[in-house]
Amino acid sequence: MTIFLGCAAHPRYTIKTESDYPTNPSKIDRDKMGRVIKSYLGVPYKPNGMSHLGVDCSGLVVEIYRRYNGTKLPHDTEKLFKLAKKIKRPHIAYGDLIFFTIDFKKISHVGIYLDNGDFVHSSESQGVVISSLKEPYYNRRYMGGRRVIP
């Protein structure tokens, strides 16, 4: 949508909205990424962990993308949030990163979106699990989606 400002027959200024910038569709191979994700389900939470012996939330994202297609990502939730391309919530697709605030002050948790509101992440209390954005806890803390473009 473009909004024109001014009274002249030929407006001098325009404001572009996000709908003027189409979102490129995700090119994730669901089967391939799904196999990598499945191999991490049940792995325990470990601060700064980046292996099947234990992972934290950003370590899980880093390792899944590394094993999926060799993409190198920072092991830091805030850096991941700033690095990847912003995606509006209705356009989030399989493989996109979704971010949360636990303390309502800063980005402090990340997961990988699956389908139908589900996402995989490493929980301090449960390890690597699948949760839902429909759960009030995560819905209230949701901060945004980002797409990794290798």
N, C-alpha and C. Protein backbone atom coordinates (compact mmCIF):
# COMPACT_ATOMS: atom_id res chain seq x y z
N MET A 1 0.84 -1.15 0.00
CA MET A 1 0.00 0.00 0.00
C MET A 1 0.90 1.23 0.00
N THR A 2 0.59 2.21 -0.81
CA THR A 2 1.32 3.46 -0.85
C THR A 2 0.38 4.58 -0.46
N ILE A 3 0.82 5.45 0.43
CA ILE A 3 0.02 6.59 0.87
C ILE A 3 0.68 7.84 0.31
N PHE A 4 -0.10 8.67 -0.34
CA PHE A 4 0.42 9.90 -0.91
C PHE A 4 0.11 11.05 0.03
N LEU A 5 1.08 11.92 0.21
CA LEU A 5 0.90 13.08 1.07
C LEU A 5 0.96 14.35 0.25
N GLY A 6 0.16 15.32 0.59
CA GLY A 6 0.18 16.61 -0.10
C GLY A 6 -1.10 16.84 -0.87
N CYS A 7 -1.29 18.08 -1.32
CA CYS A 7 -2.50 18.46 -2.03
C CYS A 7 -2.28 18.58 -3.53
N ALA A 8 -1.06 18.59 -3.97
CA ALA A 8 -0.76 18.79 -5.39
C ALA A 8 -1.24 17.61 -6.22
N ALA A 9 -1.46 17.88 -7.50
CA ALA A 9 -1.88 16.82 -8.42
C ALA A 9 -0.79 15.76 -8.55
N HIS A 10 0.45 16.16 -8.43
CA HIS A 10 1.59 15.23 -8.49
C HIS A 10 2.29 15.24 -7.13
N PRO A 11 1.97 14.28 -6.28
CA PRO A 11 2.53 14.29 -4.93
C PRO A 11 4.06 14.22 -4.94
N ARG A 12 4.65 14.88 -3.95
CA ARG A 12 6.10 14.91 -3.85
C ARG A 12 6.63 13.84 -2.92
N TYR A 13 5.82 13.32 -2.02
CA TYR A 13 6.29 12.37 -1.02
C TYR A 13 5.41 11.13 -1.02
N THR A 14 6.02 10.01 -0.73
CA THR A 14 5.25 8.78 -0.54
C THR A 14 5.79 8.07 0.69
N ILE A 15 4.95 7.31 1.31
CA ILE A 15 5.35 6.49 2.45
C ILE A 15 5.10 5.04 2.05
N LYS A 16 6.13 4.23 2.15
CA LYS A 16 5.96 2.82 1.82
C LYS A 16 5.69 2.05 3.11
N THR A 17 4.77 1.11 3.02
CA THR A 17 4.47 0.26 4.16
C THR A 17 5.10 -1.10 3.93
N GLU A 18 5.06 -1.97 4.96
CA GLU A 18 5.67 -3.29 4.83
C GLU A 18 5.04 -4.11 3.71
N SER A 19 3.77 -3.86 3.39
CA SER A 19 3.13 -4.63 2.33
C SER A 19 3.72 -4.31 0.96
N ASP A 20 4.47 -3.19 0.86
CA ASP A 20 5.15 -2.85 -0.39
C ASP A 20 6.41 -3.70 -0.59
N TYR A 21 6.82 -4.40 0.44
CA TYR A 21 8.04 -5.21 0.38
C TYR A 21 7.65 -6.68 0.55
N PRO A 22 7.42 -7.38 -0.55
CA PRO A 22 6.98 -8.77 -0.44
C PRO A 22 8.04 -9.64 0.25
N THR A 23 7.56 -10.61 0.98
CA THR A 23 8.44 -11.54 1.67
C THR A 23 8.78 -12.69 0.74
N ASN A 24 10.06 -12.98 0.60
CA ASN A 24 10.47 -14.12 -0.20
C ASN A 24 10.08 -15.40 0.53
N PRO A 25 9.55 -16.38 -0.19
CA PRO A 25 9.16 -17.62 0.46
C PRO A 25 10.39 -18.37 1.00
N SER A 26 10.16 -19.10 2.07
CA SER A 26 11.22 -19.91 2.65
C SER A 26 11.60 -21.03 1.68
N LYS A 27 12.88 -21.32 1.60
CA LYS A 27 13.36 -22.37 0.69
C LYS A 27 13.90 -23.56 1.47
N ILE A 28 13.43 -23.75 2.68
CA ILE A 28 13.89 -24.83 3.53
C ILE A 28 13.39 -26.17 3.01
N ASP A 29 14.29 -27.15 2.96
CA ASP A 29 13.92 -28.53 2.65
C ASP A 29 13.43 -29.14 3.97
N ARG A 30 12.12 -29.23 4.12
CA ARG A 30 11.52 -29.68 5.38
C ARG A 30 11.97 -31.07 5.79
N ASP A 31 12.08 -31.98 4.84
CA ASP A 31 12.50 -33.34 5.19
C ASP A 31 13.91 -33.36 5.75
N LYS A 32 14.80 -32.66 5.07
CA LYS A 32 16.20 -32.64 5.50
C LYS A 32 16.34 -31.96 6.86
N MET A 33 15.74 -30.77 7.02
CA MET A 33 15.84 -30.08 8.30
C MET A 33 15.11 -30.87 9.38
N GLY A 34 14.00 -31.48 9.03
CA GLY A 34 13.24 -32.28 9.99
C GLY A 34 14.05 -33.42 10.56
N ARG A 35 14.87 -34.06 9.73
CA ARG A 35 15.73 -35.15 10.22
C ARG A 35 16.75 -34.62 11.23
N VAL A 36 17.31 -33.45 10.94
CA VAL A 36 18.28 -32.86 11.87
C VAL A 36 17.58 -32.50 13.19
N ILE A 37 16.43 -31.87 13.09
CA ILE A 37 15.68 -31.49 14.30
C ILE A 37 15.35 -32.72 15.12
N LYS A 38 14.85 -33.76 14.48
CA LYS A 38 14.46 -34.99 15.17
C LYS A 38 15.62 -35.58 15.97
N SER A 39 16.84 -35.45 15.41
CA SER A 39 18.01 -36.02 16.09
C SER A 39 18.33 -35.28 17.40
N TYR A 40 17.80 -34.08 17.58
CA TYR A 40 18.06 -33.31 18.80
C TYR A 40 16.94 -33.40 19.83
N LEU A 41 15.77 -33.89 19.46
CA LEU A 41 14.67 -33.97 20.42
C LEU A 41 15.09 -34.82 21.62
N GLY A 42 14.85 -34.30 22.81
CA GLY A 42 15.21 -35.01 24.04
C GLY A 42 16.61 -34.72 24.55
N VAL A 43 17.44 -34.04 23.76
CA VAL A 43 18.79 -33.69 24.22
C VAL A 43 18.65 -32.73 25.41
N PRO A 44 19.43 -32.94 26.48
CA PRO A 44 19.28 -32.07 27.65
C PRO A 44 19.76 -30.64 27.40
N TYR A 45 19.24 -29.73 28.21
CA TYR A 45 19.71 -28.35 28.19
C TYR A 45 21.08 -28.28 28.85
N LYS A 46 21.98 -27.52 28.23
CA LYS A 46 23.30 -27.29 28.82
C LYS A 46 23.71 -25.87 28.45
N PRO A 47 23.98 -25.00 29.45
CA PRO A 47 24.41 -23.64 29.14
C PRO A 47 25.63 -23.64 28.22
N ASN A 48 25.58 -22.86 27.17
CA ASN A 48 26.65 -22.76 26.17
C ASN A 48 26.89 -24.05 25.40
N GLY A 49 26.01 -25.04 25.54
CA GLY A 49 26.17 -26.32 24.86
C GLY A 49 25.87 -26.24 23.38
N MET A 50 26.61 -27.06 22.63
CA MET A 50 26.44 -27.09 21.17
C MET A 50 26.67 -28.50 20.63
N SER A 51 26.10 -29.51 21.32
CA SER A 51 26.27 -30.88 20.84
C SER A 51 25.09 -31.73 21.31
N HIS A 52 25.09 -32.99 20.90
CA HIS A 52 24.04 -33.90 21.34
C HIS A 52 24.16 -34.24 22.83
N LEU A 53 25.24 -33.82 23.47
CA LEU A 53 25.39 -34.02 24.91
C LEU A 53 24.62 -32.95 25.69
N GLY A 54 24.32 -31.84 25.04
CA GLY A 54 23.57 -30.76 25.66
C GLY A 54 23.66 -29.49 24.84
N VAL A 55 22.54 -28.76 24.77
CA VAL A 55 22.51 -27.50 24.01
C VAL A 55 21.68 -26.47 24.76
N ASP A 56 22.05 -25.20 24.55
CA ASP A 56 21.17 -24.13 24.99
C ASP A 56 20.35 -23.70 23.77
N CYS A 57 19.50 -22.70 23.91
CA CYS A 57 18.59 -22.36 22.81
C CYS A 57 19.32 -21.89 21.56
N SER A 58 20.29 -20.99 21.70
CA SER A 58 21.00 -20.52 20.50
C SER A 58 21.94 -21.59 19.97
N GLY A 59 22.50 -22.41 20.85
CA GLY A 59 23.35 -23.52 20.40
C GLY A 59 22.57 -24.51 19.56
N LEU A 60 21.31 -24.75 19.91
CA LEU A 60 20.46 -25.64 19.12
C LEU A 60 20.26 -25.08 17.72
N VAL A 61 19.95 -23.80 17.62
CA VAL A 61 19.75 -23.15 16.32
C VAL A 61 21.03 -23.23 15.49
N VAL A 62 22.16 -22.88 16.11
CA VAL A 62 23.45 -22.91 15.42
C VAL A 62 23.74 -24.30 14.88
N GLU A 63 23.56 -25.31 15.70
CA GLU A 63 23.88 -26.69 15.29
C GLU A 63 22.90 -27.22 14.25
N ILE A 64 21.63 -26.92 14.37
CA ILE A 64 20.67 -27.39 13.37
C ILE A 64 20.99 -26.79 12.00
N TYR A 65 21.24 -25.50 11.94
CA TYR A 65 21.56 -24.88 10.65
C TYR A 65 22.92 -25.34 10.11
N ARG A 66 23.88 -25.56 11.00
CA ARG A 66 25.19 -26.04 10.55
C ARG A 66 25.05 -27.44 9.94
N ARG A 67 24.33 -28.31 10.61
CA ARG A 67 24.16 -29.67 10.11
C ARG A 67 23.20 -29.74 8.91
N TYR A 68 22.26 -28.81 8.84
CA TYR A 68 21.30 -28.78 7.74
C TYR A 68 21.97 -28.37 6.42
N ASN A 69 22.68 -27.25 6.43
CA ASN A 69 23.27 -26.79 5.16
C ASN A 69 24.61 -26.07 5.31
N GLY A 70 25.24 -26.21 6.45
CA GLY A 70 26.56 -25.61 6.64
C GLY A 70 26.55 -24.13 7.00
N THR A 71 25.37 -23.55 7.20
CA THR A 71 25.29 -22.14 7.56
C THR A 71 25.94 -21.91 8.92
N LYS A 72 26.81 -20.91 8.99
CA LYS A 72 27.47 -20.56 10.25
C LYS A 72 26.73 -19.37 10.87
N LEU A 73 26.24 -19.57 12.06
CA LEU A 73 25.49 -18.54 12.78
C LEU A 73 26.15 -18.27 14.12
N PRO A 74 25.97 -17.06 14.67
CA PRO A 74 26.54 -16.76 15.98
C PRO A 74 25.79 -17.48 17.10
N HIS A 75 26.53 -17.90 18.11
CA HIS A 75 25.94 -18.57 19.26
C HIS A 75 25.53 -17.51 20.28
N ASP A 76 24.60 -16.66 19.87
CA ASP A 76 24.16 -15.53 20.69
C ASP A 76 22.77 -15.12 20.22
N THR A 77 21.80 -15.20 21.10
CA THR A 77 20.40 -14.93 20.73
C THR A 77 20.19 -13.52 20.19
N GLU A 78 20.75 -12.52 20.84
CA GLU A 78 20.56 -11.14 20.37
C GLU A 78 21.21 -10.92 19.01
N LYS A 79 22.39 -11.51 18.77
CA LYS A 79 23.04 -11.38 17.47
C LYS A 79 22.23 -12.07 16.39
N LEU A 80 21.65 -13.23 16.70
CA LEU A 80 20.80 -13.92 15.73
C LEU A 80 19.60 -13.04 15.36
N PHE A 81 19.02 -12.39 16.35
CA PHE A 81 17.86 -11.53 16.13
C PHE A 81 18.20 -10.39 15.18
N LYS A 82 19.37 -9.81 15.35
CA LYS A 82 19.79 -8.68 14.51
C LYS A 82 20.28 -9.12 13.14
N LEU A 83 20.78 -10.33 13.04
CA LEU A 83 21.40 -10.82 11.81
C LEU A 83 20.39 -11.23 10.74
N ALA A 84 19.38 -11.97 11.13
CA ALA A 84 18.45 -12.55 10.16
C ALA A 84 17.41 -11.53 9.70
N LYS A 85 16.75 -11.83 8.57
CA LYS A 85 15.77 -10.93 7.95
C LYS A 85 14.43 -10.99 8.69
N LYS A 86 13.89 -9.82 9.02
CA LYS A 86 12.62 -9.72 9.74
C LYS A 86 11.48 -10.30 8.91
N ILE A 87 10.64 -11.08 9.58
CA ILE A 87 9.46 -11.69 8.94
C ILE A 87 8.25 -11.37 9.82
N LYS A 88 7.20 -10.83 9.21
CA LYS A 88 5.97 -10.57 9.96
C LYS A 88 5.36 -11.90 10.39
N ARG A 89 4.71 -11.91 11.55
CA ARG A 89 4.18 -13.15 12.14
C ARG A 89 3.32 -13.97 11.17
N PRO A 90 2.43 -13.37 10.38
CA PRO A 90 1.62 -14.20 9.47
C PRO A 90 2.44 -14.90 8.38
N HIS A 91 3.67 -14.43 8.15
CA HIS A 91 4.50 -15.00 7.08
C HIS A 91 5.57 -15.95 7.58
N ILE A 92 5.59 -16.22 8.88
CA ILE A 92 6.61 -17.13 9.42
C ILE A 92 6.37 -18.52 8.84
N ALA A 93 7.47 -19.15 8.44
CA ALA A 93 7.39 -20.46 7.79
C ALA A 93 8.38 -21.43 8.44
N TYR A 94 8.24 -22.67 8.07
CA TYR A 94 9.12 -23.74 8.57
C TYR A 94 10.58 -23.32 8.44
N GLY A 95 11.32 -23.46 9.53
CA GLY A 95 12.74 -23.13 9.53
C GLY A 95 13.08 -21.72 9.95
N ASP A 96 12.08 -20.84 10.02
CA ASP A 96 12.35 -19.47 10.47
C ASP A 96 12.66 -19.47 11.96
N LEU A 97 13.42 -18.49 12.39
CA LEU A 97 13.75 -18.35 13.80
C LEU A 97 12.67 -17.50 14.46
N ILE A 98 12.28 -17.90 15.67
CA ILE A 98 11.33 -17.09 16.43
C ILE A 98 11.96 -16.76 17.77
N PHE A 99 11.74 -15.52 18.20
CA PHE A 99 12.43 -14.98 19.36
C PHE A 99 11.46 -14.58 20.46
N PHE A 100 11.96 -14.69 21.68
CA PHE A 100 11.15 -14.42 22.86
C PHE A 100 11.93 -13.59 23.86
N THR A 101 11.20 -12.93 24.74
CA THR A 101 11.79 -12.29 25.91
C THR A 101 11.29 -13.04 27.12
N ILE A 102 12.20 -13.46 27.96
CA ILE A 102 11.79 -14.18 29.17
C ILE A 102 11.53 -13.17 30.29
N ASP A 103 12.35 -12.12 30.35
CA ASP A 103 12.22 -11.12 31.42
C ASP A 103 11.49 -9.86 30.98
N PHE A 104 10.95 -9.85 29.76
CA PHE A 104 10.23 -8.70 29.19
C PHE A 104 11.12 -7.47 29.02
N LYS A 105 12.45 -7.67 28.98
CA LYS A 105 13.37 -6.55 28.80
C LYS A 105 14.21 -6.68 27.54
N LYS A 106 14.63 -7.88 27.20
CA LYS A 106 15.50 -8.07 26.04
C LYS A 106 15.22 -9.42 25.40
N ILE A 107 15.71 -9.59 24.19
CA ILE A 107 15.61 -10.88 23.50
C ILE A 107 16.46 -11.88 24.27
N SER A 108 15.85 -12.98 24.70
CA SER A 108 16.60 -13.91 25.54
C SER A 108 16.34 -15.38 25.23
N HIS A 109 15.54 -15.66 24.20
CA HIS A 109 15.27 -17.06 23.86
C HIS A 109 14.96 -17.16 22.37
N VAL A 110 15.36 -18.27 21.76
CA VAL A 110 15.14 -18.48 20.33
C VAL A 110 14.74 -19.93 20.08
N GLY A 111 13.91 -20.12 19.07
CA GLY A 111 13.53 -21.46 18.63
C GLY A 111 13.41 -21.46 17.12
N ILE A 112 13.12 -22.62 16.55
CA ILE A 112 12.92 -22.76 15.11
C ILE A 112 11.47 -23.13 14.86
N TYR A 113 10.80 -22.33 14.04
CA TYR A 113 9.39 -22.55 13.74
C TYR A 113 9.21 -23.81 12.91
N LEU A 114 8.17 -24.58 13.23
CA LEU A 114 7.84 -25.79 12.47
C LEU A 114 6.57 -25.52 11.66
N ASP A 115 5.44 -25.86 12.18
CA ASP A 115 4.15 -25.64 11.50
C ASP A 115 3.06 -25.44 12.54
N ASN A 116 1.96 -24.84 12.12
CA ASN A 116 0.76 -24.71 12.95
C ASN A 116 1.03 -24.15 14.34
N GLY A 117 1.97 -23.21 14.44
CA GLY A 117 2.28 -22.60 15.72
C GLY A 117 3.31 -23.35 16.54
N ASP A 118 3.74 -24.51 16.09
CA ASP A 118 4.73 -25.29 16.83
C ASP A 118 6.15 -24.85 16.51
N PHE A 119 7.03 -24.97 17.49
CA PHE A 119 8.44 -24.65 17.30
C PHE A 119 9.29 -25.56 18.17
N VAL A 120 10.52 -25.76 17.76
CA VAL A 120 11.47 -26.56 18.54
C VAL A 120 12.44 -25.60 19.22
N HIS A 121 12.78 -25.92 20.46
CA HIS A 121 13.71 -25.07 21.21
C HIS A 121 14.31 -25.88 22.34
N SER A 122 15.32 -25.31 22.98
CA SER A 122 15.94 -25.95 24.14
C SER A 122 15.48 -25.22 25.39
N SER A 123 14.71 -25.92 26.18
CA SER A 123 14.15 -25.38 27.42
C SER A 123 15.08 -25.75 28.59
N GLU A 124 15.32 -24.79 29.49
CA GLU A 124 16.18 -25.08 30.64
C GLU A 124 15.64 -26.24 31.46
N SER A 125 14.33 -26.37 31.57
CA SER A 125 13.75 -27.42 32.41
C SER A 125 13.50 -28.73 31.69
N GLN A 126 13.33 -28.70 30.35
CA GLN A 126 12.96 -29.93 29.63
C GLN A 126 13.94 -30.35 28.55
N GLY A 127 14.93 -29.54 28.26
CA GLY A 127 15.83 -29.85 27.15
C GLY A 127 15.15 -29.52 25.83
N VAL A 128 15.54 -30.22 24.77
CA VAL A 128 15.01 -29.92 23.44
C VAL A 128 13.61 -30.53 23.30
N VAL A 129 12.65 -29.65 23.09
CA VAL A 129 11.24 -30.05 23.01
C VAL A 129 10.54 -29.24 21.92
N ILE A 130 9.35 -29.69 21.59
CA ILE A 130 8.47 -28.93 20.70
C ILE A 130 7.40 -28.29 21.57
N SER A 131 7.23 -26.99 21.41
CA SER A 131 6.22 -26.23 22.14
C SER A 131 5.35 -25.49 21.12
N SER A 132 4.36 -24.77 21.61
CA SER A 132 3.43 -24.07 20.73
C SER A 132 3.36 -22.58 21.06
N LEU A 133 3.32 -21.77 20.00
CA LEU A 133 3.10 -20.34 20.18
C LEU A 133 1.71 -20.07 20.74
N LYS A 134 0.83 -21.05 20.67
CA LYS A 134 -0.52 -20.89 21.19
C LYS A 134 -0.55 -20.94 22.71
N GLU A 135 0.53 -21.47 23.32
CA GLU A 135 0.61 -21.50 24.78
C GLU A 135 0.74 -20.05 25.26
N PRO A 136 -0.07 -19.64 26.24
CA PRO A 136 -0.02 -18.25 26.70
C PRO A 136 1.39 -17.79 27.09
N TYR A 137 2.16 -18.67 27.73
CA TYR A 137 3.52 -18.29 28.15
C TYR A 137 4.34 -17.80 26.97
N TYR A 138 4.36 -18.55 25.87
CA TYR A 138 5.17 -18.17 24.71
C TYR A 138 4.50 -17.06 23.89
N ASN A 139 3.19 -17.09 23.79
CA ASN A 139 2.49 -16.07 23.02
C ASN A 139 2.75 -14.67 23.60
N ARG A 140 2.71 -14.55 24.93
CA ARG A 140 2.95 -13.25 25.59
C ARG A 140 4.39 -12.78 25.43
N ARG A 141 5.32 -13.71 25.31
CA ARG A 141 6.73 -13.36 25.27
C ARG A 141 7.31 -13.28 23.86
N TYR A 142 6.50 -13.59 22.86
CA TYR A 142 6.96 -13.57 21.47
C TYR A 142 7.42 -12.17 21.08
N MET A 143 8.62 -12.09 20.47
CA MET A 143 9.19 -10.80 20.08
C MET A 143 9.37 -10.63 18.58
N GLY A 144 9.30 -11.71 17.82
CA GLY A 144 9.44 -11.56 16.38
C GLY A 144 10.02 -12.79 15.71
N GLY A 145 9.85 -12.80 14.39
CA GLY A 145 10.39 -13.88 13.57
C GLY A 145 11.47 -13.35 12.64
N ARG A 146 12.40 -14.20 12.33
CA ARG A 146 13.49 -13.85 11.42
C ARG A 146 13.76 -15.03 10.49
N ARG A 147 14.18 -14.71 9.27
CA ARG A 147 14.50 -15.74 8.29
C ARG A 147 16.00 -15.75 8.04
N VAL A 148 16.60 -16.92 8.14
CA VAL A 148 18.02 -17.09 7.83
C VAL A 148 18.14 -17.23 6.33
N ILE A 149 18.93 -16.35 5.72
CA ILE A 149 19.16 -16.42 4.28
C ILE A 149 20.65 -16.65 4.08
N PRO A 150 21.02 -17.91 3.77
CA PRO A 150 22.45 -18.23 3.65
C PRO A 150 23.14 -17.50 2.51
